[in-house]
Amino acid sequence: MSDPQNEWEALGVSAALANSYAQDARGFLPLLAGFLQAALPAETAVERKGGLFQKTKPIHKITVSLGENVYALEDMGHGALTAQRAKIVRGIRLKTDTLPVEDWLAELSDEITHRARRSEKAFFALKELLRG
């Protein structure tokens, strides 16, 4: 039987992320990048894209490596954001799936919630996300 407290925690993260994405898809990338870099700094990579003379370079792609899964969310510059999950075993990419952003957020939030149970830094970043 599943633990209701754990389900509510996972729902809270997933709902908070999905709500932020629904409000502003393009503005969501910097918010998510900041959260992930605070919660999982060693596992998160943020790529920026822009011209040589641009003062600020917008976030182009966020990649999070958690266990055997690598989650990537990319702004192609037009249309919806592209979300992918890759399965990597012993350094070999076995499978890459493109997912709806909402499903990608749900899977990533499950991983983050699981990680927050073991990491104080991830726990406090997660708490801040749910509060804000």
C-alpha atoms as a PDB file:
ATOM      1  CA  MET A   1       0.000   0.000   0.000  1.00  0.00           C
ATOM      2  CA  SER A   2       1.345   3.457  -0.896  1.00  0.00           C
ATOM      3  CA  ASP A   3       2.009   6.188   1.648  1.00  0.00           C
ATOM      4  CA  PRO A   4      -0.501   9.100   1.267  1.00  0.00           C
ATOM      5  CA  GLN A   5       2.085  11.613   2.569  1.00  0.00           C
ATOM      6  CA  ASN A   6       4.551  10.655  -0.180  1.00  0.00           C
ATOM      7  CA  GLU A   7       1.811  10.895  -2.812  1.00  0.00           C
ATOM      8  CA  TRP A   8       0.892  14.405  -1.656  1.00  0.00           C
ATOM      9  CA  GLU A   9       4.545  15.475  -1.705  1.00  0.00           C
ATOM     10  CA  ALA A  10       4.954  14.195  -5.260  1.00  0.00           C
ATOM     11  CA  LEU A  11       1.671  15.792  -6.339  1.00  0.00           C
ATOM     12  CA  GLY A  12       2.781  19.074  -4.779  1.00  0.00           C
ATOM     13  CA  VAL A  13       6.021  19.191  -6.743  1.00  0.00           C
ATOM     14  CA  SER A  14       4.407  18.082  -9.980  1.00  0.00           C
ATOM     15  CA  ALA A  15       1.528  20.533  -9.576  1.00  0.00           C
ATOM     16  CA  ALA A  16       3.846  23.431  -8.709  1.00  0.00           C
ATOM     17  CA  LEU A  17       6.024  22.774 -11.759  1.00  0.00           C
ATOM     18  CA  ALA A  18       3.053  22.230 -14.110  1.00  0.00           C
ATOM     19  CA  ASN A  19       1.356  25.388 -12.846  1.00  0.00           C
ATOM     20  CA  SER A  20       4.482  27.472 -13.433  1.00  0.00           C
ATOM     21  CA  TYR A  21       4.841  25.998 -16.926  1.00  0.00           C
ATOM     22  CA  ALA A  22       1.183  26.650 -17.784  1.00  0.00           C
ATOM     23  CA  GLN A  23       1.458  30.300 -16.734  1.00  0.00           C
ATOM     24  CA  ASP A  24       4.459  31.112 -18.933  1.00  0.00           C
ATOM     25  CA  ALA A  25       6.173  28.364 -20.946  1.00  0.00           C
ATOM     26  CA  ARG A  26       9.162  30.488 -22.027  1.00  0.00           C
ATOM     27  CA  GLY A  27       9.561  32.177 -18.645  1.00  0.00           C
ATOM     28  CA  PHE A  28       9.440  28.741 -17.033  1.00  0.00           C
ATOM     29  CA  LEU A  29      12.929  27.731 -18.199  1.00  0.00           C
ATOM     30  CA  PRO A  30      14.821  30.269 -16.032  1.00  0.00           C
ATOM     31  CA  LEU A  31      12.608  29.420 -13.039  1.00  0.00           C
ATOM     32  CA  LEU A  32      13.188  25.683 -13.474  1.00  0.00           C
ATOM     33  CA  ALA A  33      16.913  26.178 -14.067  1.00  0.00           C
ATOM     34  CA  GLY A  34      17.265  28.161 -10.845  1.00  0.00           C
ATOM     35  CA  PHE A  35      15.343  25.569  -8.860  1.00  0.00           C
ATOM     36  CA  LEU A  36      17.283  22.629 -10.284  1.00  0.00           C
ATOM     37  CA  GLN A  37      20.656  24.311  -9.838  1.00  0.00           C
ATOM     38  CA  ALA A  38      19.784  24.970  -6.180  1.00  0.00           C
ATOM     39  CA  ALA A  39      18.363  21.504  -5.511  1.00  0.00           C
ATOM     40  CA  LEU A  40      20.669  19.358  -7.645  1.00  0.00           C
ATOM     41  CA  PRO A  41      23.738  21.412  -8.620  1.00  0.00           C
ATOM     42  CA  ALA A  42      25.963  18.456  -9.526  1.00  0.00           C
ATOM     43  CA  GLU A  43      23.264  16.839 -11.676  1.00  0.00           C
ATOM     44  CA  THR A  44      22.036  19.945 -13.539  1.00  0.00           C
ATOM     45  CA  ALA A  45      23.530  21.543 -16.656  1.00  0.00           C
ATOM     46  CA  VAL A  46      22.136  24.748 -18.170  1.00  0.00           C
ATOM     47  CA  GLU A  47      22.973  25.778 -21.727  1.00  0.00           C
ATOM     48  CA  ARG A  48      22.504  29.349 -22.902  1.00  0.00           C
ATOM     49  CA  LYS A  49      22.257  30.510 -26.472  1.00  0.00           C
ATOM     50  CA  GLY A  50      22.757  33.904 -27.992  1.00  0.00           C
ATOM     51  CA  GLY A  51      24.823  36.066 -30.231  1.00  0.00           C
ATOM     52  CA  LEU A  52      28.220  37.485 -29.504  1.00  0.00           C
ATOM     53  CA  PHE A  53      26.888  40.968 -28.734  1.00  0.00           C
ATOM     54  CA  GLN A  54      23.864  39.977 -26.671  1.00  0.00           C
ATOM     55  CA  LYS A  55      24.064  41.134 -23.056  1.00  0.00           C
ATOM     56  CA  THR A  56      21.846  38.403 -21.703  1.00  0.00           C
ATOM     57  CA  LYS A  57      21.817  34.967 -23.229  1.00  0.00           C
ATOM     58  CA  PRO A  58      18.524  33.144 -22.724  1.00  0.00           C
ATOM     59  CA  ILE A  59      18.433  29.583 -21.499  1.00  0.00           C
ATOM     60  CA  HIS A  60      18.279  27.176 -24.403  1.00  0.00           C
ATOM     61  CA  LYS A  61      18.410  23.791 -22.664  1.00  0.00           C
ATOM     62  CA  ILE A  62      18.312  22.261 -19.195  1.00  0.00           C
ATOM     63  CA  THR A  63      19.700  18.766 -18.643  1.00  0.00           C
ATOM     64  CA  VAL A  64      19.337  16.815 -15.391  1.00  0.00           C
ATOM     65  CA  SER A  65      21.121  13.489 -14.845  1.00  0.00           C
ATOM     66  CA  LEU A  66      19.451  11.334 -12.193  1.00  0.00           C
ATOM     67  CA  GLY A  67      20.550   7.724 -11.920  1.00  0.00           C
ATOM     68  CA  GLU A  68      20.097   6.001 -15.265  1.00  0.00           C
ATOM     69  CA  ASN A  69      17.842   8.750 -16.628  1.00  0.00           C
ATOM     70  CA  VAL A  70      18.844  12.017 -18.247  1.00  0.00           C
ATOM     71  CA  TYR A  71      16.040  14.570 -18.539  1.00  0.00           C
ATOM     72  CA  ALA A  72      16.362  17.388 -21.079  1.00  0.00           C
ATOM     73  CA  LEU A  73      14.040  20.356 -21.671  1.00  0.00           C
ATOM     74  CA  GLU A  74      14.900  22.470 -24.698  1.00  0.00           C
ATOM     75  CA  ASP A  75      13.618  25.701 -26.212  1.00  0.00           C
ATOM     76  CA  MET A  76      13.985  25.349 -29.970  1.00  0.00           C
ATOM     77  CA  GLY A  77      13.145  29.044 -30.413  1.00  0.00           C
ATOM     78  CA  HIS A  78       9.664  28.452 -31.800  1.00  0.00           C
ATOM     79  CA  GLY A  79       6.675  26.357 -30.820  1.00  0.00           C
ATOM     80  CA  ALA A  80       6.424  24.377 -27.611  1.00  0.00           C
ATOM     81  CA  LEU A  81       9.350  23.327 -25.468  1.00  0.00           C
ATOM     82  CA  THR A  82      10.800  19.894 -26.275  1.00  0.00           C
ATOM     83  CA  ALA A  83      11.092  17.399 -23.418  1.00  0.00           C
ATOM     84  CA  GLN A  84      13.104  14.191 -23.574  1.00  0.00           C
ATOM     85  CA  ARG A  85      14.117  11.384 -21.236  1.00  0.00           C
ATOM     86  CA  ALA A  86      17.099   9.229 -22.108  1.00  0.00           C
ATOM     87  CA  LYS A  87      17.996   5.923 -20.465  1.00  0.00           C
ATOM     88  CA  ILE A  88      21.755   5.530 -20.071  1.00  0.00           C
ATOM     89  CA  VAL A  89      23.355   2.376 -18.730  1.00  0.00           C
ATOM     90  CA  ARG A  90      27.135   2.183 -18.219  1.00  0.00           C
ATOM     91  CA  GLY A  91      27.664   5.225 -20.407  1.00  0.00           C
ATOM     92  CA  ILE A  92      25.597   3.906 -23.319  1.00  0.00           C
ATOM     93  CA  ARG A  93      22.408   5.666 -24.354  1.00  0.00           C
ATOM     94  CA  LEU A  94      19.900   2.868 -24.775  1.00  0.00           C
ATOM     95  CA  LYS A  95      16.703   4.761 -25.446  1.00  0.00           C
ATOM     96  CA  THR A  96      15.484   8.344 -25.832  1.00  0.00           C
ATOM     97  CA  ASP A  97      11.815   9.216 -25.506  1.00  0.00           C
ATOM     98  CA  THR A  98      10.170  12.511 -26.365  1.00  0.00           C
ATOM     99  CA  LEU A  99       7.461  13.273 -23.807  1.00  0.00           C
ATOM    100  CA  PRO A 100       4.741  15.883 -23.368  1.00  0.00           C
ATOM    101  CA  VAL A 101       6.195  18.566 -21.086  1.00  0.00           C
ATOM    102  CA  GLU A 102       3.586  17.847 -18.404  1.00  0.00           C
ATOM    103  CA  ASP A 103       4.561  14.137 -18.300  1.00  0.00           C
ATOM    104  CA  TRP A 104       8.246  15.071 -18.271  1.00  0.00           C
ATOM    105  CA  LEU A 105       7.630  17.410 -15.322  1.00  0.00           C
ATOM    106  CA  ALA A 106       5.723  14.683 -13.451  1.00  0.00           C
ATOM    107  CA  GLU A 107       8.548  12.152 -13.917  1.00  0.00           C
ATOM    108  CA  LEU A 108      11.218  14.676 -12.989  1.00  0.00           C
ATOM    109  CA  SER A 109       9.275  15.750  -9.897  1.00  0.00           C
ATOM    110  CA  ASP A 110       9.021  12.097  -8.797  1.00  0.00           C
ATOM    111  CA  GLU A 111      12.803  11.800  -9.091  1.00  0.00           C
ATOM    112  CA  ILE A 112      13.337  15.090  -7.227  1.00  0.00           C
ATOM    113  CA  THR A 113      10.950  14.091  -4.437  1.00  0.00           C
ATOM    114  CA  HIS A 114      12.780  10.784  -4.064  1.00  0.00           C
ATOM    115  CA  ARG A 115      16.134  12.603  -4.001  1.00  0.00           C
ATOM    116  CA  ALA A 116      14.827  15.189  -1.484  1.00  0.00           C
ATOM    117  CA  ARG A 117      14.196  12.393   1.004  1.00  0.00           C
ATOM    118  CA  ARG A 118      17.964  11.703   0.991  1.00  0.00           C
ATOM    119  CA  SER A 119      19.442  15.198   0.481  1.00  0.00           C
ATOM    120  CA  GLU A 120      19.023  18.149   2.829  1.00  0.00           C
ATOM    121  CA  LYS A 121      19.918  20.654   0.078  1.00  0.00           C
ATOM    122  CA  ALA A 122      17.335  19.185  -2.316  1.00  0.00           C
ATOM    123  CA  PHE A 123      14.747  19.093   0.480  1.00  0.00           C
ATOM    124  CA  PHE A 124      15.089  22.810   1.253  1.00  0.00           C
ATOM    125  CA  ALA A 125      15.057  23.793  -2.433  1.00  0.00           C
ATOM    126  CA  LEU A 126      11.922  21.680  -2.907  1.00  0.00           C
ATOM    127  CA  LYS A 127      10.303  23.286   0.149  1.00  0.00           C
ATOM    128  CA  GLU A 128      11.080  26.755  -1.255  1.00  0.00           C
ATOM    129  CA  LEU A 129       9.549  25.856  -4.638  1.00  0.00           C
ATOM    130  CA  LEU A 130       6.322  24.616  -3.047  1.00  0.00           C
ATOM    131  CA  ARG A 131       6.097  27.695  -0.825  1.00  0.00           C
ATOM    132  CA  GLY A 132       6.725  30.212  -3.601  1.00  0.00           C
END
